Amino acid sequence: MKREKKEQIVKEVSEKLQRAQGIYLTEFQGLDVAKMAELRNQFRQAGVEYKVAKNTLVKKALESVEGGDRLADGLVNTTGVALGYDDPVVPAKIIEKFGKDNEQLKFKMAAIDGSVFEADKLKELSKMLSKTENIGRMAGLVNNVISSVPMVVNAVMRDLVSVIDQVAKQKQDA
């Protein structure tokens, strides 16, 4: 491969790494073409980009990313890079699920917002709520608060009327 082509690949990968919220390194040695296509399809459907490039080129590109020097330690054997742009947790969920049925896919390391996670943290990462799930939960909480405000106001007014009524009865009795 010519030097210009290598520099172009490094520049392209570097730009993608800088845009990504979550960077996941996987080893895919032993996956056949059909399984690899299935994995790429799952990533694509979830809005995750999956790239395979030479480790030396990825290592150069990682120099431009926070935590990239530690992530570069995972660049051994075959390496696929999953990039989560919108949600940093989605790639972990896909890797965990796909890896259960296909033991050839192995999680190496991940970087999320500059924090680096080793291979033993994949289960924890995959159990985290995704951005969409967090938004849904927050919307539910806000909705509960909004719907409970009228009930609280009505209860206060009902109690106030009850107190006024009792005071009026006491004055009549006295």
Protein backbone atom coordinates (compact mmCIF):
# COMPACT_ATOMS: atom_id res chain seq x y z
CA MET A 1 0.00 0.00 0.00
CA LYS A 2 1.36 3.41 -0.95
CA ARG A 3 2.18 6.00 1.68
CA GLU A 4 -0.50 8.44 0.42
CA LYS A 5 -3.16 5.76 0.71
CA LYS A 6 -2.05 4.91 4.26
CA GLU A 7 -2.11 8.59 5.25
CA GLN A 8 -5.60 8.94 3.79
CA ILE A 9 -6.83 5.91 5.77
CA VAL A 10 -5.28 7.25 9.00
CA LYS A 11 -6.91 10.65 8.43
CA GLU A 12 -10.31 9.10 7.69
CA VAL A 13 -10.19 6.76 10.71
CA SER A 14 -8.93 9.58 12.94
CA GLU A 15 -11.87 11.81 11.98
CA LYS A 16 -14.33 8.99 12.68
CA LEU A 17 -12.71 8.23 16.05
CA GLN A 18 -12.93 11.87 17.09
CA ARG A 19 -16.66 12.02 16.22
CA ALA A 20 -17.50 8.77 18.00
CA GLN A 21 -18.90 8.76 21.53
CA GLY A 22 -17.99 5.11 21.99
CA ILE A 23 -15.05 3.21 20.45
CA TYR A 24 -15.00 -0.59 20.76
CA LEU A 25 -12.20 -2.91 19.69
CA THR A 26 -13.13 -6.46 18.78
CA GLU A 27 -11.32 -9.53 17.54
CA PHE A 28 -13.16 -11.35 14.79
CA GLN A 29 -10.65 -14.04 13.77
CA GLY A 30 -12.53 -17.17 12.70
CA LEU A 31 -15.80 -15.47 11.76
CA ASP A 32 -16.86 -16.58 8.30
CA VAL A 33 -18.07 -14.13 5.66
CA ALA A 34 -21.77 -14.77 6.35
CA LYS A 35 -21.38 -14.13 10.11
CA MET A 36 -19.29 -11.03 9.46
CA ALA A 37 -21.99 -9.71 7.11
CA GLU A 38 -24.63 -10.44 9.76
CA LEU A 39 -22.58 -8.56 12.38
CA ARG A 40 -22.05 -5.58 10.09
CA ASN A 41 -25.77 -5.54 9.30
CA GLN A 42 -26.69 -5.47 13.00
CA PHE A 43 -24.26 -2.60 13.55
CA ARG A 44 -25.57 -0.72 10.52
CA GLN A 45 -29.20 -1.06 11.65
CA ALA A 46 -28.27 0.39 15.04
CA GLY A 47 -26.37 3.33 13.54
CA VAL A 48 -22.97 1.92 14.48
CA GLU A 49 -20.07 1.90 12.04
CA TYR A 50 -17.77 -1.12 11.98
CA LYS A 51 -14.35 -0.73 10.38
CA VAL A 52 -11.48 -3.14 9.82
CA ALA A 53 -8.06 -1.66 9.13
CA LYS A 54 -4.44 -2.53 9.78
CA ASN A 55 -3.52 -2.25 13.45
CA THR A 56 -0.62 0.09 12.70
CA LEU A 57 -2.94 2.52 10.90
CA VAL A 58 -5.57 2.38 13.64
CA LYS A 59 -2.83 2.95 16.23
CA LYS A 60 -1.75 6.15 14.45
CA ALA A 61 -5.37 7.30 14.26
CA LEU A 62 -5.89 6.60 17.98
CA GLU A 63 -3.20 9.17 18.81
CA SER A 64 -5.79 11.88 18.14
CA VAL A 65 -8.33 10.49 20.65
CA GLU A 66 -8.46 10.92 24.43
CA GLY A 67 -7.54 7.57 25.97
CA GLY A 68 -6.30 6.35 22.59
CA ASP A 69 -2.85 5.49 23.91
CA ARG A 70 -4.35 2.99 26.37
CA LEU A 71 -6.78 1.71 23.75
CA ALA A 72 -3.87 1.04 21.40
CA ASP A 73 -2.79 -1.78 23.74
CA GLY A 74 -5.72 -3.80 22.39
CA LEU A 75 -4.44 -3.69 18.83
CA VAL A 76 -3.21 -7.27 18.51
CA ASN A 77 -4.32 -9.96 16.05
CA THR A 78 -7.27 -9.03 13.84
CA THR A 79 -9.07 -5.93 15.02
CA GLY A 80 -12.45 -4.52 14.14
CA VAL A 81 -13.44 -1.09 15.40
CA ALA A 82 -17.08 -0.39 16.24
CA LEU A 83 -17.93 3.30 16.44
CA GLY A 84 -21.05 4.50 18.24
CA TYR A 85 -21.81 8.05 17.19
CA ASP A 86 -25.24 8.73 18.70
CA ASP A 87 -25.15 6.36 21.65
CA PRO A 88 -21.93 5.00 23.17
CA VAL A 89 -23.64 1.95 24.74
CA VAL A 90 -25.31 0.45 21.64
CA PRO A 91 -22.13 -1.23 20.29
CA ALA A 92 -21.63 -3.00 23.64
CA LYS A 93 -25.15 -4.40 23.49
CA ILE A 94 -24.62 -5.72 19.95
CA ILE A 95 -21.18 -7.19 20.69
CA GLU A 96 -22.47 -8.90 23.85
CA LYS A 97 -25.53 -10.36 22.11
CA PHE A 98 -23.70 -11.43 18.94
CA GLY A 99 -20.77 -12.83 20.94
CA LYS A 100 -23.06 -15.20 22.87
CA ASP A 101 -23.90 -17.08 19.66
CA ASN A 102 -20.54 -16.54 17.94
CA GLU A 103 -17.60 -17.11 20.25
CA GLN A 104 -15.15 -16.07 17.52
CA LEU A 105 -16.16 -12.44 18.14
CA LYS A 106 -14.27 -11.24 21.18
CA PHE A 107 -14.44 -7.88 22.88
CA LYS A 108 -11.01 -6.40 23.53
CA MET A 109 -11.39 -2.87 24.89
CA ALA A 110 -13.59 0.21 24.69
CA ALA A 111 -13.28 3.94 25.21
CA ILE A 112 -16.26 6.07 26.17
CA ASP A 113 -15.68 9.78 26.68
CA GLY A 114 -11.99 9.18 27.37
CA SER A 115 -12.56 6.37 29.89
CA VAL A 116 -11.06 3.05 28.83
CA PHE A 117 -12.75 -0.25 29.69
CA GLU A 118 -11.08 -3.65 29.59
CA ALA A 119 -12.62 -6.84 28.18
CA ASP A 120 -14.11 -7.92 31.52
CA LYS A 121 -16.37 -4.82 31.59
CA LEU A 122 -18.42 -5.69 28.47
CA LYS A 123 -21.34 -7.16 30.44
CA GLU A 124 -21.55 -4.03 32.58
CA LEU A 125 -21.41 -1.77 29.53
CA SER A 126 -24.07 -3.78 27.71
CA LYS A 127 -26.43 -3.55 30.70
CA MET A 128 -26.24 0.23 30.81
CA LEU A 129 -29.28 2.06 29.53
CA SER A 130 -28.98 3.45 26.04
CA LYS A 131 -29.60 7.10 25.27
CA THR A 132 -33.11 6.31 23.99
CA GLU A 133 -33.95 4.30 27.11
CA ASN A 134 -32.70 7.14 29.34
CA ILE A 135 -34.80 9.68 27.44
CA GLY A 136 -37.84 7.42 27.81
CA ARG A 137 -37.30 7.08 31.54
CA MET A 138 -36.87 10.82 31.98
CA ALA A 139 -40.02 11.50 29.95
CA GLY A 140 -41.91 9.04 32.16
CA LEU A 141 -40.63 10.72 35.32
CA VAL A 142 -41.56 14.18 34.06
CA ASN A 143 -44.98 12.91 33.02
CA ASN A 144 -45.55 11.42 36.48
CA VAL A 145 -44.60 14.70 38.16
CA ILE A 146 -46.81 16.73 35.84
CA SER A 147 -49.79 14.43 36.31
CA SER A 148 -49.42 14.42 40.10
CA VAL A 149 -49.42 18.26 40.44
CA PRO A 150 -53.20 18.64 39.85
CA MET A 151 -53.92 15.84 42.33
CA VAL A 152 -51.80 17.55 45.00
CA VAL A 153 -53.46 20.93 44.35
CA ASN A 154 -56.93 19.33 44.49
CA ALA A 155 -56.04 17.55 47.75
CA VAL A 156 -54.87 20.82 49.33
CA MET A 157 -58.05 22.59 48.22
CA ARG A 158 -60.24 19.72 49.47
CA ASP A 159 -58.45 19.76 52.84
CA LEU A 160 -58.80 23.56 53.04
CA VAL A 161 -62.54 23.35 52.38
CA SER A 162 -62.81 20.64 55.03
CA VAL A 163 -60.97 22.79 57.59
CA ILE A 164 -63.11 25.85 56.80
CA ASP A 165 -66.25 23.70 57.10
CA GLN A 166 -65.15 22.37 60.51
CA VAL A 167 -64.33 25.89 61.75
CA ALA A 168 -67.77 27.08 60.60
CA LYS A 169 -69.48 24.16 62.46
CA GLN A 170 -67.54 24.98 65.65
CA LYS A 171 -68.63 28.63 65.47
CA GLN A 172 -72.25 27.58 64.98
CA ASP A 173 -72.08 25.22 67.96
CA ALA A 174 -70.53 27.88 70.19
